[in-house]
Amino acid sequence: MKKLISSILFLASFAALSAQVEQTVIVQEYNESSKKTPLSQVGVTVMNAGAAISDENGQATLRFRTLHAGDKVTIRRIEKAGYEIFNSQAIEQWTISPQQPFRIVLCRSDRFKALRDEYNRVASDSYARQYKAEQARLAEERKRTNMLEETYKQKLLDLENQYQQQLEDLDNYVDQFARIDLSELSIRQAKLIRMVKEGKIDEAIITAAAKRIVLCKFQLGVFENPYVDVEYAIQFVGNDEHTALNLEAARKSMTLLKNDGILPLAQNEERTILVVGPRAGDMDSLVGGWSSSQEGLTIAEAVAEYAGEKTTVLYVADDLEQITEAAKE
């Protein structure tokens, strides 16, 4: 009888272990524009799976006892001294996916504070410039239209209230900007962020655009259901019919502004061709900002492949001095 009970308990335990769903977790350290690196000794504690600690490769395994693929993960703690969570939005939307590792990105607390401080300065300066410009515009309008004093004061008050509201919302906007993953940006996206930091583009312009995109995603339910049916999507995304249509549209939309006899390109001639412009070397510019990563050739690579081995193809993105020097060749 005892052997029978032991066997039953063993089988029950084995069945329970077999029913567990494993989720691989990869923990990485955020290094701004440099590549993210594995981060060890990070404690990850979630409901229904207990705790795990990342190894030297930044990997950990969670074993969920009763949850299944697609279920939302409830997080208790993700911690390592001196670090804080960087990809917090993704973590809030975490659902179990045994076939796909879940990535947790942490950033050193001092580095993240420096990022927030920088964006805070940029945004504060941006709002202050806008406020002063609007004050000047309002004063000019008052002179031009003989605006009533009462109306003028009310507009000044509305302007002041708007400015104060922007400052109150600043922490939220700064946090969003500080969490932009610089290591995953395309060339033009990185340039845009750099221009924001240099004060060449008002942060408020990008914030307004971002708010529209986020609102649209909420309305479409993307945050509640961030994952699609992969098998269903494979039938449509990048299939032969759509690829052929994309190629036809690309060919028909090309516009030749000027040709001094260089086109069509002759192949395998001993000469040098200079290709310039940031988009000529950026794959994202060819497939569009909302596309997934695509395999293929950039414009510069395609020119080099078509021209042949005897032709030297030089590519310079946007450095005017380098372009000038390369053109002399």
Protein backbone atom coordinates (compact mmCIF):
# COMPACT_ATOMS: atom_id res chain seq x y z
CA MET A 1 0.00 0.00 0.00
CA LYS A 2 2.83 2.37 0.92
CA LYS A 3 4.51 1.64 -2.41
CA LEU A 4 1.27 2.40 -4.22
CA ILE A 5 0.85 5.73 -2.39
CA SER A 6 4.49 6.62 -3.09
CA SER A 7 4.03 5.81 -6.77
CA ILE A 8 0.90 7.95 -6.94
CA LEU A 9 2.66 10.88 -5.26
CA PHE A 10 5.64 10.49 -7.60
CA LEU A 11 3.38 10.46 -10.65
CA ALA A 12 1.47 13.48 -9.36
CA SER A 13 4.70 15.38 -8.77
CA PHE A 14 5.99 14.38 -12.21
CA ALA A 15 2.75 15.51 -13.84
CA ALA A 16 2.91 18.83 -11.99
CA LEU A 17 6.48 19.40 -13.16
CA SER A 18 5.58 18.42 -16.71
CA ALA A 19 2.68 20.88 -16.71
CA GLN A 20 4.92 23.81 -15.79
CA VAL A 21 5.48 26.42 -18.49
CA GLU A 22 9.04 27.69 -18.80
CA GLN A 23 9.81 31.25 -19.79
CA THR A 24 13.39 32.22 -20.63
CA VAL A 25 14.36 35.71 -19.49
CA ILE A 26 17.29 37.69 -20.88
CA VAL A 27 18.50 40.60 -18.75
CA GLN A 28 20.61 43.30 -20.40
CA GLU A 29 22.26 46.56 -19.38
CA TYR A 30 21.36 49.68 -21.33
CA ASN A 31 24.43 51.51 -22.64
CA GLU A 32 22.73 54.34 -24.57
CA SER A 33 23.78 54.24 -28.24
CA SER A 34 26.22 51.35 -27.63
CA LYS A 35 25.08 47.73 -27.80
CA LYS A 36 23.30 46.37 -24.73
CA THR A 37 25.32 43.88 -22.68
CA PRO A 38 24.30 40.86 -20.53
CA LEU A 39 23.66 41.69 -16.88
CA SER A 40 24.12 39.07 -14.18
CA GLN A 41 22.86 38.79 -10.59
CA VAL A 42 19.51 40.44 -11.32
CA GLY A 43 16.70 39.08 -9.17
CA VAL A 44 13.39 38.51 -10.96
CA THR A 45 10.36 37.61 -8.83
CA VAL A 46 6.92 37.08 -10.36
CA MET A 47 3.61 35.64 -9.22
CA ASN A 48 3.07 31.92 -9.84
CA ALA A 49 6.71 31.22 -10.72
CA GLY A 50 8.75 32.30 -7.72
CA ALA A 51 12.16 33.88 -8.19
CA ALA A 52 15.15 33.51 -10.51
CA ILE A 53 18.55 35.19 -10.76
CA SER A 54 20.24 35.99 -14.07
CA ASP A 55 23.52 34.19 -14.76
CA GLU A 56 26.73 35.56 -16.30
CA ASN A 57 25.04 35.52 -19.73
CA GLY A 58 22.12 37.52 -18.38
CA GLN A 59 19.79 34.52 -18.64
CA ALA A 60 17.27 33.17 -16.15
CA THR A 61 14.39 30.71 -16.33
CA LEU A 62 10.96 31.13 -14.75
CA ARG A 63 8.71 28.09 -14.31
CA PHE A 64 5.02 28.96 -14.08
CA ARG A 65 2.99 26.44 -12.16
CA THR A 66 -0.54 27.17 -13.40
CA LEU A 67 -0.23 29.95 -15.99
CA HIS A 68 0.01 29.24 -19.70
CA ALA A 69 1.23 30.86 -22.93
CA GLY A 70 -0.49 34.19 -23.49
CA ASP A 71 -1.29 34.79 -19.80
CA LYS A 72 -0.19 38.11 -18.29
CA VAL A 73 2.76 38.03 -15.92
CA THR A 74 2.39 39.80 -12.57
CA ILE A 75 5.75 41.13 -11.41
CA ARG A 76 6.69 41.44 -7.77
CA ARG A 77 10.29 42.60 -8.05
CA ILE A 78 13.06 43.10 -10.58
CA GLU A 79 16.11 44.33 -8.74
CA LYS A 80 19.84 44.84 -8.74
CA ALA A 81 21.54 47.41 -6.51
CA GLY A 82 22.38 50.62 -8.36
CA TYR A 83 20.09 49.85 -11.33
CA GLU A 84 16.53 50.61 -12.37
CA ILE A 85 14.18 49.21 -15.01
CA PHE A 86 14.59 50.85 -18.42
CA ASN A 87 11.97 49.13 -20.60
CA SER A 88 9.17 49.54 -18.06
CA GLN A 89 6.38 49.79 -20.64
CA ALA A 90 7.28 46.43 -22.20
CA ILE A 91 7.47 44.82 -18.77
CA GLU A 92 4.00 46.11 -17.88
CA GLN A 93 2.68 44.31 -20.98
CA TRP A 94 4.59 41.07 -20.34
CA THR A 95 2.71 37.92 -21.31
CA ILE A 96 4.09 34.36 -21.24
CA SER A 97 5.68 33.28 -24.51
CA PRO A 98 7.70 30.04 -24.14
CA GLN A 99 9.03 30.20 -27.72
CA GLN A 100 10.35 33.75 -27.38
CA PRO A 101 12.69 34.98 -24.60
CA PHE A 102 11.46 37.99 -22.67
CA ARG A 103 13.95 40.84 -22.44
CA ILE A 104 14.43 42.92 -19.33
CA VAL A 105 16.61 45.99 -19.76
CA LEU A 106 18.11 47.75 -16.74
CA CYS A 107 20.00 51.03 -16.66
CA ARG A 108 22.44 52.26 -14.03
CA SER A 109 20.60 54.68 -11.77
CA ASP A 110 23.18 57.44 -12.18
CA ARG A 111 23.12 57.10 -15.98
CA PHE A 112 19.32 57.23 -16.08
CA LYS A 113 19.29 60.29 -13.84
CA ALA A 114 21.75 62.00 -16.20
CA LEU A 115 19.47 61.19 -19.15
CA ARG A 116 16.43 62.60 -17.35
CA ASP A 117 18.33 65.73 -16.31
CA GLU A 118 19.44 66.34 -19.90
CA TYR A 119 15.94 66.00 -21.33
CA ASN A 120 14.55 68.08 -18.48
CA ARG A 121 16.90 70.90 -19.39
CA VAL A 122 16.10 70.64 -23.11
CA ALA A 123 12.34 70.51 -22.52
CA SER A 124 12.36 73.37 -19.98
CA ASP A 125 14.30 75.57 -22.39
CA SER A 126 11.93 74.61 -25.21
CA TYR A 127 8.81 75.51 -23.22
CA ALA A 128 10.37 78.77 -22.04
CA ARG A 129 11.19 79.78 -25.63
CA GLN A 130 7.65 78.99 -26.73
CA TYR A 131 6.20 80.95 -23.81
CA LYS A 132 8.27 84.06 -24.57
CA ALA A 133 7.51 83.82 -28.29
CA GLU A 134 3.77 83.62 -27.58
CA GLN A 135 3.99 86.59 -25.22
CA ALA A 136 5.73 88.62 -27.94
CA ARG A 137 3.18 87.52 -30.54
CA LEU A 138 0.32 88.49 -28.22
CA ALA A 139 1.84 91.91 -27.55
CA GLU A 140 2.20 92.49 -31.30
CA GLU A 141 -1.40 91.41 -31.89
CA ARG A 142 -2.54 93.82 -29.18
CA LYS A 143 -0.87 96.75 -30.95
CA ARG A 144 -2.08 95.74 -34.40
CA THR A 145 -5.75 95.16 -33.46
CA ASN A 146 -6.23 97.63 -30.58
CA MET A 147 -7.13 94.71 -28.34
CA LEU A 148 -9.11 95.55 -25.23
CA GLU A 149 -7.04 95.57 -22.03
CA GLU A 150 -9.36 93.04 -20.39
CA THR A 151 -9.06 90.67 -23.37
CA TYR A 152 -5.29 91.04 -23.41
CA LYS A 153 -4.96 90.22 -19.71
CA GLN A 154 -7.20 87.18 -20.08
CA LYS A 155 -5.09 85.85 -22.98
CA LEU A 156 -1.94 86.44 -20.96
CA LEU A 157 -3.47 84.50 -18.08
CA ASP A 158 -4.47 81.63 -20.40
CA LEU A 159 -0.94 81.58 -21.77
CA GLU A 160 0.54 81.49 -18.28
CA ASN A 161 -1.78 78.62 -17.27
CA GLN A 162 -0.80 76.67 -20.37
CA TYR A 163 2.88 77.18 -19.60
CA GLN A 164 2.45 76.05 -15.98
CA GLN A 165 0.55 72.96 -17.15
CA GLN A 166 3.42 72.08 -19.48
CA LEU A 167 5.85 72.31 -16.58
CA GLU A 168 3.62 70.10 -14.43
CA ASP A 169 3.50 67.46 -17.18
CA LEU A 170 7.25 67.71 -17.72
CA ASP A 171 8.23 64.72 -15.56
CA ASN A 172 6.06 62.37 -17.59
CA TYR A 173 7.42 63.59 -20.94
CA VAL A 174 11.00 63.56 -19.69
CA ASP A 175 10.61 59.97 -18.53
CA GLN A 176 9.28 58.95 -21.96
CA PHE A 177 12.20 60.55 -23.78
CA ALA A 178 14.80 59.15 -21.37
CA ARG A 179 13.49 55.64 -22.08
CA ILE A 180 13.98 55.87 -25.85
CA ASP A 181 16.40 53.04 -26.72
CA LEU A 182 19.17 54.86 -28.59
CA SER A 183 20.85 51.58 -29.55
CA GLU A 184 17.90 50.52 -31.71
CA LEU A 185 17.31 53.75 -33.63
CA SER A 186 17.78 54.11 -37.38
CA ILE A 187 20.20 56.75 -38.69
CA ARG A 188 17.51 59.38 -39.16
CA GLN A 189 15.87 58.63 -35.80
CA ALA A 190 19.22 59.01 -34.02
CA LYS A 191 19.81 62.28 -35.85
CA LEU A 192 16.38 63.53 -34.74
CA ILE A 193 17.11 62.77 -31.08
CA ARG A 194 20.53 64.42 -31.40
CA MET A 195 18.89 67.56 -32.81
CA VAL A 196 16.43 67.60 -29.90
CA LYS A 197 19.31 67.42 -27.40
CA GLU A 198 21.10 70.25 -29.21
CA GLY A 199 17.95 72.39 -29.02
CA LYS A 200 17.51 72.49 -32.81
CA ILE A 201 14.05 70.91 -32.65
CA ASP A 202 11.50 71.71 -29.98
CA GLU A 203 10.84 68.67 -27.80
CA ALA A 204 7.19 69.69 -27.67
CA ILE A 205 6.77 69.04 -31.41
CA ILE A 206 7.87 65.42 -31.04
CA THR A 207 5.82 64.99 -27.87
CA ALA A 208 2.68 66.13 -29.68
CA ALA A 209 3.33 63.65 -32.50
CA ALA A 210 4.09 60.84 -30.04
CA LYS A 211 0.86 61.50 -28.14
CA ARG A 212 -1.17 61.00 -31.34
CA ILE A 213 0.59 57.69 -32.06
CA VAL A 214 0.14 56.39 -28.50
CA LEU A 215 -3.53 57.43 -28.50
CA CYS A 216 -4.08 55.57 -31.78
CA LYS A 217 -2.44 52.44 -30.33
CA PHE A 218 -4.72 52.58 -27.30
CA GLN A 219 -7.78 52.95 -29.54
CA LEU A 220 -6.67 49.93 -31.60
CA GLY A 221 -6.13 47.84 -28.46
CA VAL A 222 -2.42 47.29 -29.14
CA PHE A 223 -1.46 47.63 -25.47
CA GLU A 224 -4.11 45.13 -24.32
CA ASN A 225 -3.27 42.62 -27.08
CA PRO A 226 0.30 43.38 -28.23
CA TYR A 227 0.88 40.02 -29.94
CA VAL A 228 -0.70 38.71 -33.13
CA ASP A 229 -1.48 35.22 -34.33
CA VAL A 230 1.89 34.42 -35.92
CA GLU A 231 0.60 31.66 -38.20
CA TYR A 232 -2.14 33.97 -39.50
CA ALA A 233 0.22 36.92 -40.01
CA ILE A 234 2.76 34.81 -41.94
CA GLN A 235 0.13 34.27 -44.66
CA PHE A 236 0.08 37.99 -45.45
CA VAL A 237 3.24 39.75 -44.28
CA GLY A 238 5.89 39.65 -46.99
CA ASN A 239 4.14 37.04 -49.12
CA ASP A 240 4.94 36.77 -52.85
CA GLU A 241 1.87 38.71 -53.98
CA HIS A 242 2.55 41.64 -51.68
CA THR A 243 6.28 41.63 -52.47
CA ALA A 244 5.54 41.85 -56.20
CA LEU A 245 3.08 44.70 -55.63
CA ASN A 246 5.65 46.56 -53.50
CA LEU A 247 8.26 46.22 -56.24
CA GLU A 248 5.82 47.48 -58.89
CA ALA A 249 4.85 50.48 -56.73
CA ALA A 250 8.52 51.30 -56.04
CA ARG A 251 9.40 51.20 -59.74
CA LYS A 252 6.43 53.33 -60.80
CA SER A 253 7.07 55.94 -58.09
CA MET A 254 10.71 56.60 -59.01
CA THR A 255 11.34 60.08 -60.41
CA LEU A 256 14.47 61.03 -62.34
CA LEU A 257 15.13 64.75 -61.83
CA LYS A 258 18.26 65.05 -63.95
CA ASN A 259 20.46 62.86 -66.14
CA ASP A 260 23.72 64.12 -67.62
CA GLY A 261 24.31 60.91 -69.50
CA ILE A 262 25.51 58.86 -66.54
CA LEU A 263 22.36 56.71 -66.55
CA PRO A 264 21.87 53.92 -67.25
CA LEU A 265 25.05 52.83 -65.45
CA ALA A 266 27.56 50.88 -67.49
CA GLN A 267 28.85 47.79 -65.75
CA ASN A 268 32.45 46.77 -65.03
CA GLU A 269 34.03 50.06 -66.04
CA GLU A 270 37.13 51.38 -64.28
CA ARG A 271 35.75 54.50 -62.67
CA THR A 272 34.58 55.89 -59.33
CA ILE A 273 30.96 56.58 -58.33
CA LEU A 274 30.10 58.72 -55.30
CA VAL A 275 26.79 58.03 -53.53
CA VAL A 276 25.77 60.59 -50.89
CA GLY A 277 22.89 61.09 -48.47
CA PRO A 278 21.98 59.36 -45.17
CA ARG A 279 19.07 57.44 -46.69
CA ALA A 280 21.26 55.85 -49.35
CA GLY A 281 22.88 53.77 -46.60
CA ASP A 282 19.83 53.21 -44.39
CA MET A 283 17.63 50.17 -44.98
CA ASP A 284 14.82 51.59 -42.82
CA SER A 285 14.43 54.47 -45.27
CA LEU A 286 13.62 52.02 -48.05
CA VAL A 287 11.05 49.89 -46.22
CA GLY A 288 9.42 52.65 -44.14
CA GLY A 289 9.36 53.58 -40.47
CA TRP A 290 6.54 51.19 -39.59
CA SER A 291 8.08 48.14 -41.22
CA SER A 292 9.76 45.25 -39.48
CA SER A 293 13.43 44.58 -40.16
CA GLN A 294 13.90 43.56 -43.78
CA GLU A 295 16.70 41.83 -45.63
CA GLY A 296 18.02 43.47 -48.77
CA LEU A 297 20.46 46.03 -50.10
CA THR A 298 20.68 49.73 -49.40
CA ILE A 299 20.91 52.09 -52.37
CA ALA A 300 24.69 52.38 -51.95
CA GLU A 301 25.08 48.59 -51.75
CA ALA A 302 22.84 48.04 -54.78
CA VAL A 303 24.84 50.53 -56.88
CA ALA A 304 28.09 48.79 -55.90
CA GLU A 305 26.70 45.35 -56.74
CA TYR A 306 25.31 46.48 -60.12
CA ALA A 307 28.38 48.49 -61.14
CA GLY A 308 30.68 45.49 -60.80
CA GLU A 309 34.13 44.81 -59.38
CA LYS A 310 36.03 47.20 -61.67
CA THR A 311 34.01 50.19 -60.43
CA THR A 312 34.84 51.85 -57.10
CA VAL A 313 31.74 53.03 -55.23
CA LEU A 314 32.24 55.54 -52.40
CA TYR A 315 29.48 56.28 -49.92
CA VAL A 316 29.28 59.28 -47.56
CA ALA A 317 26.15 59.91 -45.47
CA ASP A 318 26.01 63.61 -44.62
CA ASP A 319 29.49 64.90 -43.75
CA LEU A 320 29.94 67.85 -46.14
CA GLU A 321 33.72 67.91 -45.74
CA GLN A 322 34.00 64.19 -46.56
CA ILE A 323 31.65 64.56 -49.51
CA THR A 324 33.78 67.38 -50.91
CA GLU A 325 36.97 65.35 -50.54
CA ALA A 326 35.38 62.25 -52.06
CA ALA A 327 34.04 64.25 -55.02
CA LYS A 328 37.61 65.33 -55.86
CA GLU A 329 38.53 61.69 -56.38
